[in-house]
Protein backbone atom coordinates (compact mmCIF):
# COMPACT_ATOMS: atom_id res chain seq x y z
CA MET A 1 3.33 -4.66 2.19
CA TRP A 2 1.78 -3.01 5.26
CA ASP A 3 -1.10 -5.34 6.06
CA ARG A 4 0.65 -6.60 9.20
CA VAL A 5 0.83 -3.06 10.62
CA THR A 6 -2.30 -1.20 9.52
CA PRO A 7 -4.83 -3.15 11.67
CA ALA A 8 -3.20 -1.74 14.81
CA PHE A 9 -4.12 1.80 13.79
CA ALA A 10 -7.44 1.22 12.03
CA ALA A 11 -9.53 2.43 14.97
CA THR A 12 -7.51 5.57 15.68
CA HIS A 13 -6.27 6.93 12.35
CA GLN A 14 -7.39 7.46 8.79
CA GLN A 15 -4.90 5.36 6.84
CA VAL A 16 -4.02 6.00 3.21
CA LEU A 17 -2.12 3.35 1.26
CA PHE A 18 -1.20 3.74 -2.39
CA ASP A 19 0.85 2.12 -5.12
CA TYR A 20 3.55 4.19 -6.76
CA VAL A 21 2.94 4.78 -10.45
CA GLY A 22 4.18 1.77 -12.37
CA SER A 23 3.69 -0.74 -9.57
CA GLY A 24 0.85 -2.62 -7.93
CA HIS A 25 -2.57 -1.66 -9.26
CA SER A 26 -1.54 1.79 -10.47
CA ASN A 27 -2.14 2.93 -14.02
CA ILE A 28 1.05 1.95 -15.84
CA ALA A 29 0.12 4.30 -18.68
CA ALA A 30 0.86 7.18 -16.28
CA PHE A 31 4.47 6.09 -15.87
CA ASP A 32 6.98 8.60 -17.20
CA ALA A 33 10.60 7.47 -17.17
CA ASP A 34 11.87 11.06 -17.13
CA LYS A 35 9.70 12.08 -14.18
CA TYR A 36 10.64 9.03 -12.16
CA ALA A 37 14.35 9.29 -12.90
CA SER A 38 14.36 11.44 -9.76
CA LEU A 39 12.85 10.73 -6.35
CA LYS A 40 11.19 14.13 -6.61
CA GLY A 41 8.77 12.53 -9.07
CA TYR A 42 7.65 10.08 -6.39
CA ALA A 43 7.51 12.87 -3.79
CA GLN A 44 5.15 14.78 -6.06
CA ASP A 45 2.95 11.68 -6.17
CA VAL A 46 2.69 11.77 -2.37
CA LEU A 47 1.64 15.42 -2.49
CA ASP A 48 -0.85 14.67 -5.27
CA VAL A 49 -2.43 11.91 -3.18
CA CYS A 50 -2.78 14.31 -0.24
CA ASP A 51 -4.32 16.96 -2.49
CA ALA A 52 -6.77 14.47 -3.99
CA LEU A 53 -7.94 13.55 -0.49
CA ASN A 54 -8.00 17.17 0.73
CA LEU A 55 -5.36 16.52 3.36
CA THR A 56 -3.89 19.86 4.33
CA ARG A 57 -2.24 19.36 7.73
CA ASP A 58 -1.30 16.88 10.46
CA VAL A 59 -0.30 14.16 8.00
CA ILE A 60 1.93 11.43 9.44
CA PHE A 61 4.05 9.92 6.68
CA ILE A 62 5.30 6.37 7.16
CA GLY A 63 7.81 5.21 4.56
CA HIS A 64 10.06 2.20 4.18
CA SER A 65 13.55 2.23 2.65
CA VAL A 66 13.75 4.65 -0.28
CA SER A 67 10.21 5.81 0.48
CA SER A 68 11.71 7.43 3.56
CA SER A 69 13.66 9.72 1.22
CA VAL A 70 10.48 10.32 -0.77
CA GLY A 71 8.70 11.42 2.41
CA ILE A 72 11.61 13.65 3.36
CA LEU A 73 11.47 15.38 -0.02
CA ALA A 74 7.70 15.79 0.21
CA SER A 75 7.99 17.34 3.66
CA ILE A 76 10.61 19.80 2.45
CA GLU A 77 8.41 20.80 -0.48
CA ARG A 78 5.38 21.31 1.78
CA PRO A 79 6.41 21.32 5.46
CA GLY A 80 3.06 22.57 6.76
CA LEU A 81 1.36 19.42 5.51
CA PHE A 82 3.23 16.97 7.70
CA ALA A 83 3.19 16.54 11.47
CA LYS A 84 5.66 13.66 11.74
CA LEU A 85 7.72 11.28 9.60
CA VAL A 86 8.31 7.62 10.42
CA LEU A 87 11.30 6.29 8.48
CA VAL A 88 11.66 2.50 8.44
CA GLY A 89 15.08 1.29 7.33
CA PRO A 90 15.97 4.59 5.61
CA ASN A 91 19.08 5.14 3.51
CA PRO A 92 19.64 8.56 1.91
CA CYS A 93 22.52 7.23 -0.22
CA PHE A 94 23.12 3.54 -0.89
CA LEU A 95 26.60 4.21 -2.29
CA ASN A 96 29.73 4.31 -0.18
CA ARG A 97 31.22 7.81 -0.20
CA PRO A 98 34.44 7.38 1.79
CA PRO A 99 35.79 8.53 4.06
CA GLU A 100 32.74 10.21 5.60
CA TYR A 101 29.87 7.97 4.53
CA PHE A 102 29.26 4.27 3.98
CA GLY A 103 25.87 3.52 2.48
CA GLY A 104 26.56 -0.17 2.02
CA PHE A 105 27.39 -0.60 -1.68
CA GLU A 106 30.11 0.10 -4.20
CA GLU A 107 29.02 1.51 -7.56
CA ALA A 108 30.14 -1.66 -9.36
CA ASP A 109 27.88 -3.75 -7.09
CA LEU A 110 24.83 -1.69 -7.99
CA GLU A 111 25.62 -1.65 -11.69
CA GLY A 112 25.91 -5.43 -11.47
CA LEU A 113 22.43 -5.67 -9.96
CA LEU A 114 21.02 -3.53 -12.77
CA ASP A 115 22.79 -5.68 -15.36
CA LEU A 116 21.23 -8.78 -13.80
CA MET A 117 17.81 -7.14 -14.11
CA ASP A 118 18.43 -6.78 -17.84
CA GLN A 119 19.69 -10.32 -18.31
CA ASN A 120 17.34 -12.27 -16.05
CA TYR A 121 14.63 -10.30 -14.29
CA ILE A 122 13.11 -13.26 -12.45
CA GLY A 123 16.58 -14.37 -11.40
CA TRP A 124 17.27 -10.85 -10.11
CA ALA A 125 14.07 -10.88 -8.05
CA ASN A 126 14.81 -14.32 -6.63
CA TYR A 127 18.38 -13.25 -5.76
CA LEU A 128 17.55 -9.89 -4.21
CA ALA A 129 14.55 -10.86 -2.09
CA PRO A 130 16.45 -13.04 0.43
CA VAL A 131 19.24 -10.45 0.56
CA VAL A 132 16.67 -7.82 1.50
CA THR A 133 14.80 -9.93 4.05
CA ALA A 134 17.82 -11.78 5.47
CA GLN A 135 15.61 -14.87 5.48
CA ASP A 136 15.64 -18.12 3.58
CA GLU A 137 14.28 -17.95 0.02
CA SER A 138 11.37 -20.17 1.09
CA ALA A 139 10.33 -17.91 3.98
CA ALA A 140 6.91 -16.29 3.69
CA VAL A 141 8.26 -12.72 3.77
CA THR A 142 10.90 -13.50 1.15
CA THR A 143 8.34 -15.15 -1.12
CA GLU A 144 5.95 -12.22 -0.76
CA LEU A 145 8.68 -9.72 -1.58
CA SER A 146 9.92 -11.73 -4.57
CA ASP A 147 6.36 -12.03 -5.89
CA SER A 148 5.97 -8.27 -5.56
CA PHE A 149 9.16 -7.68 -7.54
CA CYS A 150 8.03 -10.10 -10.24
CA SER A 151 4.61 -8.45 -10.54
CA THR A 152 6.18 -5.13 -11.53
CA ASP A 153 6.89 -4.36 -15.17
CA PRO A 154 10.66 -4.95 -15.66
CA GLN A 155 11.23 -1.64 -17.46
CA VAL A 156 9.47 0.28 -14.71
CA ALA A 157 11.37 -1.67 -12.06
CA LYS A 158 14.71 -0.86 -13.64
CA VAL A 159 13.96 2.88 -13.67
CA PHE A 160 12.89 2.66 -10.04
CA ALA A 161 15.97 0.64 -9.08
CA ARG A 162 18.40 3.03 -10.76
CA THR A 163 16.66 6.04 -9.25
CA THR A 164 16.72 4.39 -5.83
CA PHE A 165 20.25 3.05 -5.78
CA PHE A 166 21.93 6.13 -7.20
CA ALA A 167 19.99 8.80 -5.32
CA ASP A 168 21.91 10.92 -2.84
CA ASN A 169 19.65 12.84 -0.48
CA ARG A 170 22.12 13.44 2.31
CA ALA A 171 22.09 17.19 1.72
CA ASP A 172 18.31 17.25 2.16
CA LEU A 173 18.36 15.98 5.74
CA SER A 174 19.19 19.38 7.22
CA LYS A 175 16.15 20.89 5.48
CA VAL A 176 13.59 18.73 7.28
CA LYS A 177 11.56 20.72 9.82
CA VAL A 178 9.22 18.05 11.21
CA PRO A 179 9.93 15.44 13.91
CA CYS A 180 11.25 12.14 12.56
CA LEU A 181 11.44 8.63 13.97
CA ILE A 182 14.22 6.52 12.46
CA LEU A 183 13.62 2.79 12.81
CA GLN A 184 16.97 1.17 12.20
CA HIS A 185 17.40 -2.59 11.85
CA GLN A 186 20.17 -4.21 13.87
CA THR A 187 21.47 -6.17 10.84
CA ASP A 188 20.49 -4.77 7.47
CA ALA A 189 22.38 -5.30 4.21
CA LEU A 190 20.66 -2.30 2.60
CA ALA A 191 20.98 0.15 5.48
CA PRO A 192 23.88 -0.49 7.88
CA LEU A 193 23.80 0.76 11.46
CA SER A 194 26.13 3.59 10.50
CA VAL A 195 23.47 4.93 8.13
CA GLY A 196 20.87 5.18 10.90
CA GLU A 197 23.39 6.95 13.09
CA TYR A 198 24.25 9.32 10.24
CA MET A 199 20.61 10.20 9.68
CA HIS A 200 20.03 10.72 13.39
CA ALA A 201 22.99 13.10 13.50
CA HIS A 202 21.77 15.09 10.48
CA LEU A 203 18.01 15.17 11.12
CA ALA A 204 17.55 17.82 13.80
CA GLY A 205 15.40 16.62 16.68
CA SER A 206 15.04 13.11 15.31
CA SER A 207 14.65 9.95 17.37
CA LEU A 208 16.62 6.80 16.55
CA LYS A 209 15.35 3.39 17.62
CA VAL A 210 17.39 0.32 16.73
CA LEU A 211 15.14 -2.70 16.36
CA PRO A 212 16.53 -6.20 17.11
CA VAL A 213 15.74 -7.25 13.55
CA GLN A 214 17.69 -9.00 10.83
CA GLY A 215 16.85 -7.79 7.34
CA HIS A 216 15.42 -4.69 5.73
CA CYS A 217 11.67 -5.27 6.14
CA SER A 218 10.70 -5.15 9.81
CA HIS A 219 7.16 -4.05 8.92
CA MET A 220 6.77 -7.48 7.31
CA SER A 221 9.04 -9.70 9.44
CA ASP A 222 8.56 -8.12 12.89
CA PRO A 223 5.44 -5.94 12.69
CA GLU A 224 4.81 -5.95 16.45
CA LEU A 225 8.10 -4.09 17.00
CA VAL A 226 7.22 -1.52 14.34
CA ILE A 227 3.71 -1.05 15.75
CA SER A 228 5.08 -0.49 19.25
CA ALA A 229 7.70 2.02 18.09
CA ILE A 230 5.21 3.98 15.97
CA SER A 231 2.67 4.03 18.78
CA GLU A 232 5.21 5.44 21.21
CA PHE A 233 6.29 8.08 18.69
CA LEU A 234 2.73 9.17 17.93
CA ALA A 235 1.97 9.50 21.63
CA VAL A 236 4.70 12.11 22.10
CA ALA A 237 3.31 15.65 21.84
CA THR A 238 5.02 18.06 19.45
């Protein structure tokens, strides 16, 4: 997912990429539906990776979408570990909670997506990918994302989807003590502009940069914009 971005930082940073348990090349036998029914389970994975690599300070966490919330939770659990957080297309709550918050979805919409996963997993992947990317279903980024969805065990994916879509981490934003860069997409079905503005208002000392991007995956569709924004953020002393 990040191979369009990582080459830009290969000469200057140690980069650690990993697959969440249950996806990619991870050990599916380690998947625990109870643990991963909460984003805290994924946050613990981030901390475990850091511990395994003896990373104790100055970690820069870069997360996309719900992984932004995972990074936020990890930083709250162990604030001394992290120097900065880069949050690409974050959304702390995908549900609309009127009148004060509009995350983009009604509960019935999300339940419908989960039902589709049960009925036709491949159909769900093929439907959701172009919604996420805001590109044609034949576009390279859409195809790559759809293939990634389809390569994940359906039962694992459904746990991850429910955990993601029904998480509400708005109350955690005020607990973050490290500088954050919010990369908001101009047009994003999964994280409207109002969500980026909400996060900026509730993450003390955060920076908000709105990218002229359609879709939810700028690190795949417009990596040069993401690279530039991250580079500028990393260059700012804290």
